Amino acid sequence: MRGSGILLPIVGLLGAGPAGAADLDLTEFKASTAAVPYISAPAWSVVGSISPTFTDNALFTRDNRKSDIYYEPDVSVRLDGNLTNDLSYRLYARTQYEAFSREKDSNFAVARVGARLTENWDGWRFSAIYENRYDFDGIYRDLAFTSHDVMGSVARDFRAGNATFSPLLLLTYRFSDLAEARRWRFDAVLGIEVKLDPRWSIVSTPLFEAYWFTDGLNSGRRDQLYSADVGLRYNFASNVSLTTTVLYEARTSNVPLRRYRDVRIGPRLDFAF
């Protein structure tokens, strides 16, 4: 289970957090709808979301399930530019936290800075990413551990009528000052958007994740996470949207206590400026 203050609850956190929220954002890997010519100056932007969410498993644990509502702001500052017509870069700083209404031991925060290089080749996007990540107990209260994530990904968008399919494969290794946090991770994600009209869309992001922990008390641990969701999105403008989603998540593991299931329901306001 997730908790704060001592090592073992932190170890539980490493494999039991909301994957889509804290670690993987598909929009980070989608193609830009307005590519910047490489001769243009780099462009700054602020991108984020705010989402109150109900969960039926606030501690993300097999036992002692408790329902709660949490609030999650997620904000990034980005600098995007092109080195050539096909090679782009992004420098970014991102911060987010989850604040629970009752289960305060589940509160946590993440801050990270990173860089990404993306090569576009015949419609495919190949990316190399580095992140320096800081995980906190509570809302930026105590630093739990720091990590260095090295990632490689391949992604592409396919369009069929009013539907867009965005598959993504991502492989990560995490170096960390906490041995229990060191691990390999593989993500296979399929973003789906079906436009009903210029403002309304049906969206879904089914995903599979696999974890191979390498050190400390987690050495030999193997987890798999399965997630399926469906949502309805309304676009107020090209840079502001509201999505209401129902999500089911299940984690399996060769460590029985790390197995759990979770249902989450809630709206999310996305913005970009």
Foldseek 3Di string as FASTA:
>chain_A
DAFDDDDPNVLLVLQQDDCCPPPDPVVVVDDDPDDDAQVDAKDKKKKWKKKWKWKQALSSWAPPTHIWIKIKIKMKIKTKHANHRFKIKIWMKIKMWIQTDPPQRSTKIKIKTKMKIWGDDPQKIKMWMWMWMWIGGHPNDHTPWIKIKTKIKMWGWDDDVQKIKIWMWMWIFIDIPDLSNTKIKIKIKIWMWGDPDPFKIKIKIWMKMWIARPGDPCHRKIKIKTKIKIWMKGDPDPFKIKIWMWMKMWMDIPPVGNTDIMIMTIMMIIGMD
